[in-house]
Amino acid sequence: MVSEQIQIEVVYALPMNQTALTLKVSVGTSVEEAIRESGILARHPEINLETNKVGLFGHTVALNTRLERATRIEIYRPLIADPKEIRRQRAEKAKLQSVK
């Protein structure tokens, strides 16, 4: 029996460029299997699936999530700075500027 194939996209974005690879996989393929099949790990050896988070259209998912329909798998880079800390620093800077 031939399993149904779906077209997916695997995406990894860097500050200056983005890699987007399209491939067909069987329904029920895991996110991790699809990432490995895409070849993106060879293009970007800095990706570590043990530490990089992954998601489907902006929603974080586990590597063992099964694909049921055409989708976009996103591999996220680690955050360089804590967003809460950045907001706190901006608020403090704005507060100091309003005092002047």
N, C-alpha and C. Protein backbone atom coordinates (compact mmCIF):
# COMPACT_ATOMS: atom_id res chain seq x y z
N MET A 1 0.84 -1.18 0.00
CA MET A 1 0.00 0.00 0.00
C MET A 1 0.89 1.25 0.00
N VAL A 2 0.59 2.18 -0.88
CA VAL A 2 1.35 3.42 -0.96
C VAL A 2 0.72 4.43 -0.02
N SER A 3 1.55 5.02 0.86
CA SER A 3 1.01 6.00 1.80
C SER A 3 0.85 7.35 1.11
N GLU A 4 -0.11 8.11 1.60
CA GLU A 4 -0.39 9.43 1.03
C GLU A 4 0.81 10.35 1.27
N GLN A 5 1.18 11.11 0.26
CA GLN A 5 2.28 12.06 0.35
C GLN A 5 1.72 13.47 0.52
N ILE A 6 2.41 14.25 1.33
CA ILE A 6 2.06 15.66 1.51
C ILE A 6 3.30 16.50 1.24
N GLN A 7 3.08 17.69 0.73
CA GLN A 7 4.20 18.61 0.48
C GLN A 7 4.38 19.48 1.70
N ILE A 8 5.61 19.58 2.18
CA ILE A 8 5.93 20.40 3.34
C ILE A 8 7.08 21.34 3.01
N GLU A 9 7.31 22.28 3.89
CA GLU A 9 8.43 23.20 3.76
C GLU A 9 9.17 23.20 5.10
N VAL A 10 10.50 23.15 5.04
CA VAL A 10 11.34 23.23 6.23
C VAL A 10 12.11 24.54 6.12
N VAL A 11 11.99 25.38 7.16
CA VAL A 11 12.54 26.73 7.09
C VAL A 11 13.46 27.00 8.28
N TYR A 12 14.59 27.66 7.98
CA TYR A 12 15.53 28.11 9.01
C TYR A 12 15.97 29.50 8.61
N ALA A 13 15.74 30.48 9.48
CA ALA A 13 16.06 31.86 9.15
C ALA A 13 17.23 32.36 9.98
N LEU A 14 18.15 33.01 9.29
CA LEU A 14 19.28 33.70 9.91
C LEU A 14 19.05 35.20 9.76
N PRO A 15 19.80 36.03 10.45
CA PRO A 15 19.57 37.47 10.34
C PRO A 15 19.61 38.01 8.91
N MET A 16 20.47 37.46 8.07
CA MET A 16 20.62 38.01 6.72
C MET A 16 20.05 37.13 5.60
N ASN A 17 19.66 35.91 5.91
CA ASN A 17 19.08 35.06 4.86
C ASN A 17 18.22 33.97 5.46
N GLN A 18 17.49 33.31 4.59
CA GLN A 18 16.59 32.25 5.02
C GLN A 18 16.75 31.05 4.09
N THR A 19 16.73 29.86 4.66
CA THR A 19 16.73 28.65 3.85
C THR A 19 15.34 28.04 3.97
N ALA A 20 14.72 27.81 2.83
CA ALA A 20 13.40 27.19 2.79
C ALA A 20 13.47 26.04 1.79
N LEU A 21 13.26 24.84 2.28
CA LEU A 21 13.35 23.65 1.44
C LEU A 21 11.97 22.98 1.37
N THR A 22 11.55 22.64 0.16
CA THR A 22 10.26 21.98 -0.04
C THR A 22 10.50 20.52 -0.37
N LEU A 23 9.72 19.64 0.24
CA LEU A 23 9.84 18.21 -0.05
C LEU A 23 8.52 17.53 0.20
N LYS A 24 8.40 16.30 -0.28
CA LYS A 24 7.22 15.49 -0.03
C LYS A 24 7.57 14.39 0.95
N VAL A 25 6.67 14.20 1.92
CA VAL A 25 6.85 13.15 2.92
C VAL A 25 5.52 12.41 3.06
N SER A 26 5.57 11.26 3.68
CA SER A 26 4.35 10.49 3.93
C SER A 26 3.58 11.10 5.09
N VAL A 27 2.25 11.03 5.02
CA VAL A 27 1.42 11.43 6.14
C VAL A 27 1.86 10.60 7.34
N GLY A 28 2.00 11.23 8.49
CA GLY A 28 2.43 10.53 9.70
C GLY A 28 3.93 10.61 9.96
N THR A 29 4.68 11.20 9.04
CA THR A 29 6.11 11.42 9.25
C THR A 29 6.26 12.39 10.43
N SER A 30 7.26 12.15 11.28
CA SER A 30 7.47 13.06 12.40
C SER A 30 8.18 14.33 11.94
N VAL A 31 8.05 15.36 12.73
CA VAL A 31 8.74 16.62 12.44
C VAL A 31 10.25 16.37 12.33
N GLU A 32 10.80 15.60 13.25
CA GLU A 32 12.24 15.32 13.22
C GLU A 32 12.62 14.57 11.95
N GLU A 33 11.86 13.57 11.58
CA GLU A 33 12.16 12.81 10.35
C GLU A 33 12.14 13.72 9.13
N ALA A 34 11.15 14.60 9.07
CA ALA A 34 11.04 15.52 7.94
C ALA A 34 12.23 16.48 7.88
N ILE A 35 12.65 16.98 9.04
CA ILE A 35 13.81 17.87 9.08
C ILE A 35 15.04 17.14 8.57
N ARG A 36 15.25 15.93 9.04
CA ARG A 36 16.42 15.16 8.61
C ARG A 36 16.36 14.84 7.12
N GLU A 37 15.18 14.47 6.62
CA GLU A 37 15.03 14.15 5.19
C GLU A 37 15.25 15.37 4.30
N SER A 38 14.96 16.56 4.82
CA SER A 38 15.06 17.78 4.02
C SER A 38 16.49 18.12 3.61
N GLY A 39 17.48 17.68 4.41
CA GLY A 39 18.88 18.01 4.13
C GLY A 39 19.31 19.34 4.74
N ILE A 40 18.44 19.98 5.48
CA ILE A 40 18.78 21.29 6.05
C ILE A 40 19.89 21.20 7.09
N LEU A 41 20.00 20.05 7.76
CA LEU A 41 21.05 19.90 8.78
C LEU A 41 22.44 19.88 8.14
N ALA A 42 22.55 19.40 6.92
CA ALA A 42 23.84 19.43 6.22
C ALA A 42 24.19 20.85 5.79
N ARG A 43 23.19 21.63 5.43
CA ARG A 43 23.41 23.02 5.02
C ARG A 43 23.73 23.93 6.21
N HIS A 44 23.17 23.58 7.36
CA HIS A 44 23.34 24.41 8.56
C HIS A 44 23.76 23.53 9.74
N PRO A 45 25.05 23.19 9.80
CA PRO A 45 25.52 22.30 10.86
C PRO A 45 25.37 22.89 12.27
N GLU A 46 25.11 24.18 12.38
CA GLU A 46 24.92 24.80 13.69
C GLU A 46 23.57 24.42 14.32
N ILE A 47 22.66 23.88 13.53
CA ILE A 47 21.37 23.45 14.07
C ILE A 47 21.59 22.21 14.93
N ASN A 48 21.09 22.28 16.14
CA ASN A 48 21.16 21.15 17.07
C ASN A 48 19.73 20.86 17.51
N LEU A 49 19.18 19.75 17.05
CA LEU A 49 17.78 19.44 17.36
C LEU A 49 17.54 19.17 18.84
N GLU A 50 18.61 18.98 19.60
CA GLU A 50 18.43 18.82 21.05
C GLU A 50 18.24 20.16 21.74
N THR A 51 18.70 21.25 21.12
CA THR A 51 18.58 22.56 21.75
C THR A 51 17.71 23.54 20.96
N ASN A 52 17.72 23.49 19.64
CA ASN A 52 16.88 24.39 18.85
C ASN A 52 15.42 23.96 18.97
N LYS A 53 14.55 24.92 19.20
CA LYS A 53 13.12 24.62 19.22
C LYS A 53 12.62 24.57 17.78
N VAL A 54 11.54 23.84 17.57
CA VAL A 54 10.92 23.75 16.25
C VAL A 54 9.44 24.04 16.39
N GLY A 55 8.83 24.44 15.28
CA GLY A 55 7.41 24.75 15.33
C GLY A 55 6.75 24.57 13.99
N LEU A 56 5.43 24.62 14.02
CA LEU A 56 4.60 24.58 12.81
C LEU A 56 3.86 25.90 12.74
N PHE A 57 4.18 26.70 11.73
CA PHE A 57 3.54 28.00 11.54
C PHE A 57 3.51 28.83 12.83
N GLY A 58 4.65 28.92 13.52
CA GLY A 58 4.77 29.79 14.69
C GLY A 58 4.35 29.18 16.01
N HIS A 59 3.93 27.94 16.01
CA HIS A 59 3.54 27.26 17.26
C HIS A 59 4.55 26.16 17.55
N THR A 60 5.23 26.28 18.69
CA THR A 60 6.25 25.30 19.07
C THR A 60 5.62 23.92 19.22
N VAL A 61 6.33 22.91 18.69
CA VAL A 61 5.87 21.52 18.78
C VAL A 61 7.05 20.62 19.15
N ALA A 62 6.75 19.41 19.57
CA ALA A 62 7.77 18.41 19.86
C ALA A 62 8.26 17.78 18.57
N LEU A 63 9.50 17.29 18.60
CA LEU A 63 10.08 16.65 17.41
C LEU A 63 9.30 15.41 16.97
N ASN A 64 8.60 14.77 17.90
CA ASN A 64 7.88 13.55 17.53
C ASN A 64 6.45 13.83 17.04
N THR A 65 6.09 15.10 16.87
CA THR A 65 4.77 15.46 16.33
C THR A 65 4.64 14.90 14.92
N ARG A 66 3.53 14.25 14.65
CA ARG A 66 3.28 13.63 13.35
C ARG A 66 2.60 14.63 12.41
N LEU A 67 3.06 14.66 11.17
CA LEU A 67 2.50 15.56 10.17
C LEU A 67 1.29 14.92 9.52
N GLU A 68 0.18 15.65 9.50
CA GLU A 68 -1.07 15.13 8.94
C GLU A 68 -1.46 15.81 7.64
N ARG A 69 -0.92 17.02 7.42
CA ARG A 69 -1.27 17.77 6.21
C ARG A 69 -0.10 18.66 5.82
N ALA A 70 -0.22 19.26 4.66
CA ALA A 70 0.83 20.17 4.19
C ALA A 70 1.08 21.22 5.26
N THR A 71 2.34 21.50 5.53
CA THR A 71 2.67 22.44 6.60
C THR A 71 4.04 23.04 6.40
N ARG A 72 4.37 23.96 7.26
CA ARG A 72 5.67 24.62 7.25
C ARG A 72 6.33 24.35 8.60
N ILE A 73 7.46 23.66 8.57
CA ILE A 73 8.22 23.38 9.79
C ILE A 73 9.26 24.48 9.93
N GLU A 74 9.29 25.11 11.08
CA GLU A 74 10.24 26.19 11.34
C GLU A 74 11.23 25.74 12.40
N ILE A 75 12.49 26.00 12.15
CA ILE A 75 13.55 25.72 13.13
C ILE A 75 13.98 27.06 13.69
N TYR A 76 13.85 27.22 15.00
CA TYR A 76 14.11 28.50 15.63
C TYR A 76 15.53 28.58 16.17
N ARG A 77 16.14 29.75 15.99
CA ARG A 77 17.47 30.01 16.56
C ARG A 77 17.30 30.34 18.03
N PRO A 78 18.32 30.06 18.85
CA PRO A 78 18.24 30.44 20.26
C PRO A 78 18.19 31.96 20.39
N LEU A 79 17.48 32.44 21.40
CA LEU A 79 17.42 33.87 21.66
C LEU A 79 18.77 34.36 22.18
N ILE A 80 19.20 35.50 21.69
CA ILE A 80 20.46 36.08 22.14
C ILE A 80 20.25 36.80 23.46
N ALA A 81 19.08 37.43 23.61
CA ALA A 81 18.78 38.17 24.83
C ALA A 81 17.36 37.83 25.29
N ASP A 82 17.14 37.93 26.57
CA ASP A 82 15.83 37.67 27.15
C ASP A 82 14.90 38.83 26.81
N PRO A 83 13.78 38.57 26.13
CA PRO A 83 12.87 39.66 25.74
C PRO A 83 12.36 40.47 26.93
N LYS A 84 12.15 39.83 28.07
CA LYS A 84 11.68 40.57 29.25
C LYS A 84 12.74 41.55 29.73
N GLU A 85 13.99 41.13 29.68
CA GLU A 85 15.09 42.00 30.10
C GLU A 85 15.22 43.20 29.15
N ILE A 86 15.08 42.96 27.86
CA ILE A 86 15.15 44.04 26.87
C ILE A 86 14.04 45.07 27.13
N ARG A 87 12.81 44.59 27.37
CA ARG A 87 11.70 45.51 27.66
C ARG A 87 11.96 46.30 28.93
N ARG A 88 12.50 45.65 29.96
CA ARG A 88 12.81 46.33 31.22
C ARG A 88 13.82 47.44 30.99
N GLN A 89 14.86 47.13 30.20
CA GLN A 89 15.90 48.12 29.92
C GLN A 89 15.33 49.31 29.14
N ARG A 90 14.46 49.03 28.16
CA ARG A 90 13.84 50.12 27.39
C ARG A 90 12.98 51.00 28.28
N ALA A 91 12.21 50.37 29.16
CA ALA A 91 11.34 51.13 30.07
C ALA A 91 12.17 52.01 30.99
N GLU A 92 13.26 51.47 31.50
CA GLU A 92 14.12 52.25 32.38
C GLU A 92 14.76 53.41 31.62
N LYS A 93 15.18 53.18 30.40
CA LYS A 93 15.78 54.23 29.59
C LYS A 93 14.76 55.33 29.31
N ALA A 94 13.53 54.95 28.96
CA ALA A 94 12.47 55.92 28.70
C ALA A 94 12.16 56.73 29.96
N LYS A 95 12.16 56.06 31.09
CA LYS A 95 11.89 56.73 32.37
C LYS A 95 12.96 57.76 32.66
N LEU A 96 14.23 57.41 32.43
CA LEU A 96 15.34 58.35 32.67
C LEU A 96 15.26 59.53 31.71
N GLN A 97 14.87 59.30 30.45
CA GLN A 97 14.78 60.38 29.47
C GLN A 97 13.62 61.33 29.79
N SER A 98 12.54 60.80 30.36
CA SER A 98 11.40 61.67 30.68
C SER A 98 11.69 62.55 31.91
N VAL A 99 12.65 62.14 32.74
CA VAL A 99 13.02 62.92 33.92
C VAL A 99 13.82 64.15 33.51
N LYS A 100 14.58 64.05 32.43
CA LYS A 100 15.47 65.16 31.99
C LYS A 100 14.71 66.35 31.55
